[in-house]
Amino acid sequence: MSNLAVTEKLLTAKEVGQMLSLSKRQIFRLNSSGKIPAPVRIGGSVRWRLERDILPWLTMGCPDRRTFEASQEVVDNG
């Protein structure tokens, strides 16, 4: 087994908000209502994956979480 370092850019709510021109609080509201991709929870931290979630979500036109996750399953399953 190789020791490959997986580096994936994780964004805070503030950073996601800056990308979308929204406040940190609005990002948490969108998350609570299922309007943005689900974050990754690391200990007490909440982070969003840039390349795997945020950029594809923006490319798709910002669908709700359920629609986004369903489309990701189709892509992952081929």
PDB file of N, CA and C in Angstrom:
ATOM      1  N   MET A   1       0.853  -1.182   0.000  1.00  0.00           N
ATOM      2  CA  MET A   1       0.000   0.000   0.000  1.00  0.00           C
ATOM      3  C   MET A   1       0.891   1.234   0.000  1.00  0.00           C
ATOM      4  N   SER A   2       0.596   2.176  -0.833  1.00  0.00           N
ATOM      5  CA  SER A   2       1.407   3.386  -0.936  1.00  0.00           C
ATOM      6  C   SER A   2       0.926   4.446   0.039  1.00  0.00           C
ATOM      7  N   ASN A   3       1.822   5.351   0.369  1.00  0.00           N
ATOM      8  CA  ASN A   3       1.493   6.453   1.265  1.00  0.00           C
ATOM      9  C   ASN A   3       1.228   7.710   0.457  1.00  0.00           C
ATOM     10  N   LEU A   4       0.125   7.731  -0.255  1.00  0.00           N
ATOM     11  CA  LEU A   4      -0.230   8.898  -1.053  1.00  0.00           C
ATOM     12  C   LEU A   4      -0.926   9.911  -0.168  1.00  0.00           C
ATOM     13  N   ALA A   5      -0.455  11.117  -0.213  1.00  0.00           N
ATOM     14  CA  ALA A   5      -1.092  12.186   0.546  1.00  0.00           C
ATOM     15  C   ALA A   5      -2.251  12.729  -0.284  1.00  0.00           C
ATOM     16  N   VAL A   6      -3.421  12.602   0.252  1.00  0.00           N
ATOM     17  CA  VAL A   6      -4.598  13.124  -0.437  1.00  0.00           C
ATOM     18  C   VAL A   6      -4.819  14.543   0.063  1.00  0.00           C
ATOM     19  N   THR A   7      -4.685  15.482  -0.849  1.00  0.00           N
ATOM     20  CA  THR A   7      -4.903  16.868  -0.466  1.00  0.00           C
ATOM     21  C   THR A   7      -6.119  17.383  -1.204  1.00  0.00           C
ATOM     22  N   GLU A   8      -7.091  17.708  -0.445  1.00  0.00           N
ATOM     23  CA  GLU A   8      -8.319  18.244  -1.002  1.00  0.00           C
ATOM     24  C   GLU A   8      -8.610  19.543  -0.273  1.00  0.00           C
ATOM     25  N   LYS A   9      -8.880  20.580  -1.019  1.00  0.00           N
ATOM     26  CA  LYS A   9      -9.129  21.888  -0.426  1.00  0.00           C
ATOM     27  C   LYS A   9     -10.468  21.861   0.305  1.00  0.00           C
ATOM     28  N   LEU A  10     -10.426  22.133   1.596  1.00  0.00           N
ATOM     29  CA  LEU A  10     -11.627  22.219   2.414  1.00  0.00           C
ATOM     30  C   LEU A  10     -11.873  23.681   2.751  1.00  0.00           C
ATOM     31  N   LEU A  11     -13.109  24.115   2.562  1.00  0.00           N
ATOM     32  CA  LEU A  11     -13.461  25.518   2.777  1.00  0.00           C
ATOM     33  C   LEU A  11     -14.318  25.687   4.023  1.00  0.00           C
ATOM     34  N   THR A  12     -14.104  26.784   4.723  1.00  0.00           N
ATOM     35  CA  THR A  12     -14.960  27.148   5.848  1.00  0.00           C
ATOM     36  C   THR A  12     -16.234  27.797   5.306  1.00  0.00           C
ATOM     37  N   ALA A  13     -17.203  27.988   6.179  1.00  0.00           N
ATOM     38  CA  ALA A  13     -18.436  28.674   5.779  1.00  0.00           C
ATOM     39  C   ALA A  13     -18.124  30.092   5.303  1.00  0.00           C
ATOM     40  N   LYS A  14     -17.168  30.725   5.939  1.00  0.00           N
ATOM     41  CA  LYS A  14     -16.782  32.084   5.534  1.00  0.00           C
ATOM     42  C   LYS A  14     -16.221  32.084   4.116  1.00  0.00           C
ATOM     43  N   GLU A  15     -15.375  31.103   3.789  1.00  0.00           N
ATOM     44  CA  GLU A  15     -14.777  31.027   2.452  1.00  0.00           C
ATOM     45  C   GLU A  15     -15.823  30.701   1.378  1.00  0.00           C
ATOM     46  N   VAL A  16     -16.747  29.786   1.708  1.00  0.00           N
ATOM     47  CA  VAL A  16     -17.831  29.479   0.765  1.00  0.00           C
ATOM     48  C   VAL A  16     -18.680  30.723   0.555  1.00  0.00           C
ATOM     49  N   GLY A  17     -18.956  31.437   1.636  1.00  0.00           N
ATOM     50  CA  GLY A  17     -19.717  32.672   1.540  1.00  0.00           C
ATOM     51  C   GLY A  17     -19.045  33.710   0.665  1.00  0.00           C
ATOM     52  N   GLN A  18     -17.735  33.823   0.779  1.00  0.00           N
ATOM     53  CA  GLN A  18     -16.999  34.771  -0.059  1.00  0.00           C
ATOM     54  C   GLN A  18     -17.098  34.382  -1.528  1.00  0.00           C
ATOM     55  N   MET A  19     -17.062  33.077  -1.830  1.00  0.00           N
ATOM     56  CA  MET A  19     -17.196  32.623  -3.214  1.00  0.00           C
ATOM     57  C   MET A  19     -18.564  32.970  -3.788  1.00  0.00           C
ATOM     58  N   LEU A  20     -19.590  32.911  -2.930  1.00  0.00           N
ATOM     59  CA  LEU A  20     -20.970  33.107  -3.378  1.00  0.00           C
ATOM     60  C   LEU A  20     -21.505  34.503  -3.077  1.00  0.00           C
ATOM     61  N   SER A  21     -20.676  35.345  -2.516  1.00  0.00           N
ATOM     62  CA  SER A  21     -21.084  36.691  -2.092  1.00  0.00           C
ATOM     63  C   SER A  21     -22.236  36.640  -1.094  1.00  0.00           C
ATOM     64  N   LEU A  22     -22.102  35.743  -0.125  1.00  0.00           N
ATOM     65  CA  LEU A  22     -23.085  35.589   0.943  1.00  0.00           C
ATOM     66  C   LEU A  22     -22.362  35.633   2.285  1.00  0.00           C
ATOM     67  N   SER A  23     -23.120  35.865   3.343  1.00  0.00           N
ATOM     68  CA  SER A  23     -22.520  35.871   4.673  1.00  0.00           C
ATOM     69  C   SER A  23     -22.336  34.438   5.181  1.00  0.00           C
ATOM     70  N   LYS A  24     -21.491  34.305   6.181  1.00  0.00           N
ATOM     71  CA  LYS A  24     -21.269  33.019   6.827  1.00  0.00           C
ATOM     72  C   LYS A  24     -22.589  32.473   7.381  1.00  0.00           C
ATOM     73  N   ARG A  25     -23.373  33.338   7.975  1.00  0.00           N
ATOM     74  CA  ARG A  25     -24.665  32.941   8.541  1.00  0.00           C
ATOM     75  C   ARG A  25     -25.603  32.423   7.452  1.00  0.00           C
ATOM     76  N   GLN A  26     -25.613  33.064   6.304  1.00  0.00           N
ATOM     77  CA  GLN A  26     -26.472  32.627   5.203  1.00  0.00           C
ATOM     78  C   GLN A  26     -26.040  31.250   4.687  1.00  0.00           C
ATOM     79  N   ILE A  27     -24.747  30.968   4.690  1.00  0.00           N
ATOM     80  CA  ILE A  27     -24.258  29.636   4.287  1.00  0.00           C
ATOM     81  C   ILE A  27     -24.812  28.583   5.241  1.00  0.00           C
ATOM     82  N   PHE A  28     -24.776  28.857   6.542  1.00  0.00           N
ATOM     83  CA  PHE A  28     -25.323  27.901   7.502  1.00  0.00           C
ATOM     84  C   PHE A  28     -26.836  27.742   7.344  1.00  0.00           C
ATOM     85  N   ARG A  29     -27.524  28.806   7.004  1.00  0.00           N
ATOM     86  CA  ARG A  29     -28.971  28.706   6.749  1.00  0.00           C
ATOM     87  C   ARG A  29     -29.248  27.849   5.518  1.00  0.00           C
ATOM     88  N   LEU A  30     -28.486  28.065   4.456  1.00  0.00           N
ATOM     89  CA  LEU A  30     -28.649  27.259   3.244  1.00  0.00           C
ATOM     90  C   LEU A  30     -28.342  25.788   3.528  1.00  0.00           C
ATOM     91  N   ASN A  31     -27.335  25.548   4.359  1.00  0.00           N
ATOM     92  CA  ASN A  31     -26.998  24.182   4.732  1.00  0.00           C
ATOM     93  C   ASN A  31     -28.144  23.541   5.513  1.00  0.00           C
ATOM     94  N   SER A  32     -28.698  24.257   6.472  1.00  0.00           N
ATOM     95  CA  SER A  32     -29.794  23.727   7.282  1.00  0.00           C
ATOM     96  C   SER A  32     -31.028  23.410   6.452  1.00  0.00           C
ATOM     97  N   SER A  33     -31.251  24.188   5.399  1.00  0.00           N
ATOM     98  CA  SER A  33     -32.434  23.971   4.568  1.00  0.00           C
ATOM     99  C   SER A  33     -32.160  23.036   3.383  1.00  0.00           C
ATOM    100  N   GLY A  34     -30.938  22.504   3.280  1.00  0.00           N
ATOM    101  CA  GLY A  34     -30.619  21.556   2.223  1.00  0.00           C
ATOM    102  C   GLY A  34     -30.450  22.176   0.854  1.00  0.00           C
ATOM    103  N   LYS A  35     -30.042  23.424   0.811  1.00  0.00           N
ATOM    104  CA  LYS A  35     -29.885  24.130  -0.468  1.00  0.00           C
ATOM    105  C   LYS A  35     -28.468  24.086  -1.024  1.00  0.00           C
ATOM    106  N   ILE A  36     -27.506  23.661  -0.201  1.00  0.00           N
ATOM    107  CA  ILE A  36     -26.121  23.532  -0.666  1.00  0.00           C
ATOM    108  C   ILE A  36     -25.639  22.118  -0.334  1.00  0.00           C
ATOM    109  N   PRO A  37     -24.547  21.665  -0.961  1.00  0.00           N
ATOM    110  CA  PRO A  37     -24.040  20.320  -0.664  1.00  0.00           C
ATOM    111  C   PRO A  37     -23.725  20.150   0.817  1.00  0.00           C
ATOM    112  N   ALA A  38     -23.851  18.931   1.284  1.00  0.00           N
ATOM    113  CA  ALA A  38     -23.584  18.630   2.691  1.00  0.00           C
ATOM    114  C   ALA A  38     -22.105  18.850   3.008  1.00  0.00           C
ATOM    115  N   PRO A  39     -21.821  19.424   4.159  1.00  0.00           N
ATOM    116  CA  PRO A  39     -20.428  19.638   4.547  1.00  0.00           C
ATOM    117  C   PRO A  39     -19.821  18.371   5.143  1.00  0.00           C
ATOM    118  N   VAL A  40     -18.512  18.408   5.320  1.00  0.00           N
ATOM    119  CA  VAL A  40     -17.772  17.362   6.017  1.00  0.00           C
ATOM    120  C   VAL A  40     -17.566  17.872   7.431  1.00  0.00           C
ATOM    121  N   ARG A  41     -17.814  17.039   8.402  1.00  0.00           N
ATOM    122  CA  ARG A  41     -17.594  17.437   9.791  1.00  0.00           C
ATOM    123  C   ARG A  41     -16.326  16.760  10.293  1.00  0.00           C
ATOM    124  N   ILE A  42     -15.398  17.570  10.763  1.00  0.00           N
ATOM    125  CA  ILE A  42     -14.123  17.082  11.279  1.00  0.00           C
ATOM    126  C   ILE A  42     -14.009  17.598  12.708  1.00  0.00           C
ATOM    127  N   GLY A  43     -14.224  16.717  13.654  1.00  0.00           N
ATOM    128  CA  GLY A  43     -14.281  17.155  15.042  1.00  0.00           C
ATOM    129  C   GLY A  43     -15.436  18.132  15.188  1.00  0.00           C
ATOM    130  N   GLY A  44     -15.176  19.315  15.671  1.00  0.00           N
ATOM    131  CA  GLY A  44     -16.204  20.333  15.788  1.00  0.00           C
ATOM    132  C   GLY A  44     -16.268  21.265  14.591  1.00  0.00           C
ATOM    133  N   SER A  45     -15.426  21.013  13.593  1.00  0.00           N
ATOM    134  CA  SER A  45     -15.361  21.889  12.417  1.00  0.00           C
ATOM    135  C   SER A  45     -16.314  21.435  11.323  1.00  0.00           C
ATOM    136  N   VAL A  46     -16.802  22.386  10.569  1.00  0.00           N
ATOM    137  CA  VAL A  46     -17.655  22.117   9.413  1.00  0.00           C
ATOM    138  C   VAL A  46     -16.939  22.683   8.203  1.00  0.00           C
ATOM    139  N   ARG A  47     -16.693  21.832   7.202  1.00  0.00           N
ATOM    140  CA  ARG A  47     -15.964  22.248   6.004  1.00  0.00           C
ATOM    141  C   ARG A  47     -16.663  21.712   4.760  1.00  0.00           C
ATOM    142  N   TRP A  48     -16.493  22.428   3.648  1.00  0.00           N
ATOM    143  CA  TRP A  48     -17.033  21.999   2.357  1.00  0.00           C
ATOM    144  C   TRP A  48     -15.876  21.671   1.439  1.00  0.00           C
ATOM    145  N   ARG A  49     -15.997  20.591   0.657  1.00  0.00           N
ATOM    146  CA  ARG A  49     -14.953  20.176  -0.292  1.00  0.00           C
ATOM    147  C   ARG A  49     -15.103  21.000  -1.566  1.00  0.00           C
ATOM    148  N   LEU A  50     -14.038  21.694  -1.931  1.00  0.00           N
ATOM    149  CA  LEU A  50     -14.078  22.582  -3.088  1.00  0.00           C
ATOM    150  C   LEU A  50     -14.233  21.814  -4.394  1.00  0.00           C
ATOM    151  N   GLU A  51     -13.292  20.927  -4.699  1.00  0.00           N
ATOM    152  CA  GLU A  51     -13.285  20.244  -6.000  1.00  0.00           C
ATOM    153  C   GLU A  51     -14.380  19.203  -6.141  1.00  0.00           C
ATOM    154  N   ARG A  52     -14.748  18.564  -5.056  1.00  0.00           N
ATOM    155  CA  ARG A  52     -15.704  17.455  -5.124  1.00  0.00           C
ATOM    156  C   ARG A  52     -17.156  17.901  -4.972  1.00  0.00           C
ATOM    157  N   ASP A  53     -17.383  18.996  -4.262  1.00  0.00           N
ATOM    158  CA  ASP A  53     -18.757  19.417  -4.000  1.00  0.00           C
ATOM    159  C   ASP A  53     -19.093  20.813  -4.520  1.00  0.00           C
ATOM    160  N   ILE A  54     -18.370  21.819  -4.089  1.00  0.00           N
ATOM    161  CA  ILE A  54     -18.748  23.199  -4.390  1.00  0.00           C
ATOM    162  C   ILE A  54     -18.631  23.529  -5.876  1.00  0.00           C
ATOM    163  N   LEU A  55     -17.502  23.231  -6.502  1.00  0.00           N
ATOM    164  CA  LEU A  55     -17.345  23.568  -7.921  1.00  0.00           C
ATOM    165  C   LEU A  55     -18.334  22.809  -8.815  1.00  0.00           C
ATOM    166  N   PRO A  56     -18.516  21.487  -8.630  1.00  0.00           N
ATOM    167  CA  PRO A  56     -19.531  20.799  -9.457  1.00  0.00           C
ATOM    168  C   PRO A  56     -20.947  21.319  -9.194  1.00  0.00           C
ATOM    169  N   TRP A  57     -21.235  21.657  -7.950  1.00  0.00           N
ATOM    170  CA  TRP A  57     -22.554  22.191  -7.595  1.00  0.00           C
ATOM    171  C   TRP A  57     -22.802  23.514  -8.321  1.00  0.00           C
ATOM    172  N   LEU A  58     -21.794  24.380  -8.355  1.00  0.00           N
ATOM    173  CA  LEU A  58     -21.919  25.647  -9.070  1.00  0.00           C
ATOM    174  C   LEU A  58     -22.088  25.411 -10.572  1.00  0.00           C
ATOM    175  N   THR A  59     -21.328  24.464 -11.122  1.00  0.00           N
ATOM    176  CA  THR A  59     -21.406  24.139 -12.548  1.00  0.00           C
ATOM    177  C   THR A  59     -22.801  23.649 -12.925  1.00  0.00           C
ATOM    178  N   MET A  60     -23.442  22.918 -12.009  1.00  0.00           N
ATOM    179  CA  MET A  60     -24.783  22.380 -12.262  1.00  0.00           C
ATOM    180  C   MET A  60     -25.882  23.430 -12.106  1.00  0.00           C
ATOM    181  N   GLY A  61     -25.523  24.621 -11.677  1.00  0.00           N
ATOM    182  CA  GLY A  61     -26.520  25.674 -11.512  1.00  0.00           C
ATOM    183  C   GLY A  61     -27.107  25.747 -10.120  1.00  0.00           C
ATOM    184  N   CYS A  62     -26.394  25.227  -9.133  1.00  0.00           N
ATOM    185  CA  CYS A  62     -26.779  25.303  -7.724  1.00  0.00           C
ATOM    186  C   CYS A  62     -28.101  24.600  -7.407  1.00  0.00           C
ATOM    187  N   PRO A  63     -28.228  23.311  -7.751  1.00  0.00           N
ATOM    188  CA  PRO A  63     -29.465  22.599  -7.401  1.00  0.00           C
ATOM    189  C   PRO A  63     -29.537  22.334  -5.897  1.00  0.00           C
ATOM    190  N   ASP A  64     -30.709  21.932  -5.404  1.00  0.00           N
ATOM    191  CA  ASP A  64     -30.808  21.598  -3.980  1.00  0.00           C
ATOM    192  C   ASP A  64     -29.969  20.346  -3.698  1.00  0.00           C
ATOM    193  N   ARG A  65     -29.736  20.074  -2.435  1.00  0.00           N
ATOM    194  CA  ARG A  65     -28.847  18.990  -2.027  1.00  0.00           C
ATOM    195  C   ARG A  65     -29.295  17.636  -2.568  1.00  0.00           C
ATOM    196  N   ARG A  66     -30.578  17.338  -2.492  1.00  0.00           N
ATOM    197  CA  ARG A  66     -31.083  16.045  -2.942  1.00  0.00           C
ATOM    198  C   ARG A  66     -30.802  15.825  -4.433  1.00  0.00           C
ATOM    199  N   THR A  67     -31.066  16.832  -5.246  1.00  0.00           N
ATOM    200  CA  THR A  67     -30.816  16.743  -6.688  1.00  0.00           C
ATOM    201  C   THR A  67     -29.325  16.603  -6.963  1.00  0.00           C
ATOM    202  N   PHE A  68     -28.513  17.383  -6.265  1.00  0.00           N
ATOM    203  CA  PHE A  68     -27.064  17.336  -6.454  1.00  0.00           C
ATOM    204  C   PHE A  68     -26.516  15.961  -6.092  1.00  0.00           C
ATOM    205  N   GLU A  69     -26.914  15.426  -4.933  1.00  0.00           N
ATOM    206  CA  GLU A  69     -26.406  14.124  -4.509  1.00  0.00           C
ATOM    207  C   GLU A  69     -26.853  13.015  -5.449  1.00  0.00           C
ATOM    208  N   ALA A  70     -28.076  13.103  -5.956  1.00  0.00           N
ATOM    209  CA  ALA A  70     -28.561  12.099  -6.904  1.00  0.00           C
ATOM    210  C   ALA A  70     -27.725  12.130  -8.187  1.00  0.00           C
ATOM    211  N   SER A  71     -27.405  13.318  -8.672  1.00  0.00           N
ATOM    212  CA  SER A  71     -26.598  13.421  -9.887  1.00  0.00           C
ATOM    213  C   SER A  71     -25.174  12.946  -9.647  1.00  0.00           C
ATOM    214  N   GLN A  72     -24.648  13.155  -8.439  1.00  0.00           N
ATOM    215  CA  GLN A  72     -23.301  12.692  -8.113  1.00  0.00           C
ATOM    216  C   GLN A  72     -23.258  11.163  -8.087  1.00  0.00           C
ATOM    217  N   GLU A  73     -24.321  10.521  -7.602  1.00  0.00           N
ATOM    218  CA  GLU A  73     -24.375   9.053  -7.576  1.00  0.00           C
ATOM    219  C   GLU A  73     -24.354   8.502  -9.005  1.00  0.00           C
ATOM    220  N   VAL A  74     -25.056   9.163  -9.918  1.00  0.00           N
ATOM    221  CA  VAL A  74     -25.070   8.732 -11.316  1.00  0.00           C
ATOM    222  C   VAL A  74     -23.678   8.849 -11.908  1.00  0.00           C
ATOM    223  N   VAL A  75     -22.980   9.945 -11.620  1.00  0.00           N
ATOM    224  CA  VAL A  75     -21.628  10.158 -12.133  1.00  0.00           C
ATOM    225  C   VAL A  75     -20.673   9.113 -11.541  1.00  0.00           C
ATOM    226  N   ASP A  76     -20.772   8.862 -10.219  1.00  0.00           N
ATOM    227  CA  ASP A  76     -19.883   7.916  -9.555  1.00  0.00           C
ATOM    228  C   ASP A  76     -20.104   6.478 -10.016  1.00  0.00           C
ATOM    229  N   ASN A  77     -21.359   6.126 -10.331  1.00  0.00           N
ATOM    230  CA  ASN A  77     -21.683   4.766 -10.739  1.00  0.00           C
ATOM    231  C   ASN A  77     -21.493   4.532 -12.235  1.00  0.00           C
ATOM    232  N   GLY A  78     -21.181   5.586 -12.943  1.00  0.00           N
ATOM    233  CA  GLY A  78     -20.895   5.473 -14.372  1.00  0.00           C
ATOM    234  C   GLY A  78     -22.109   5.531 -15.163  1.00  0.00           C
TER     235      GLY A  78
END
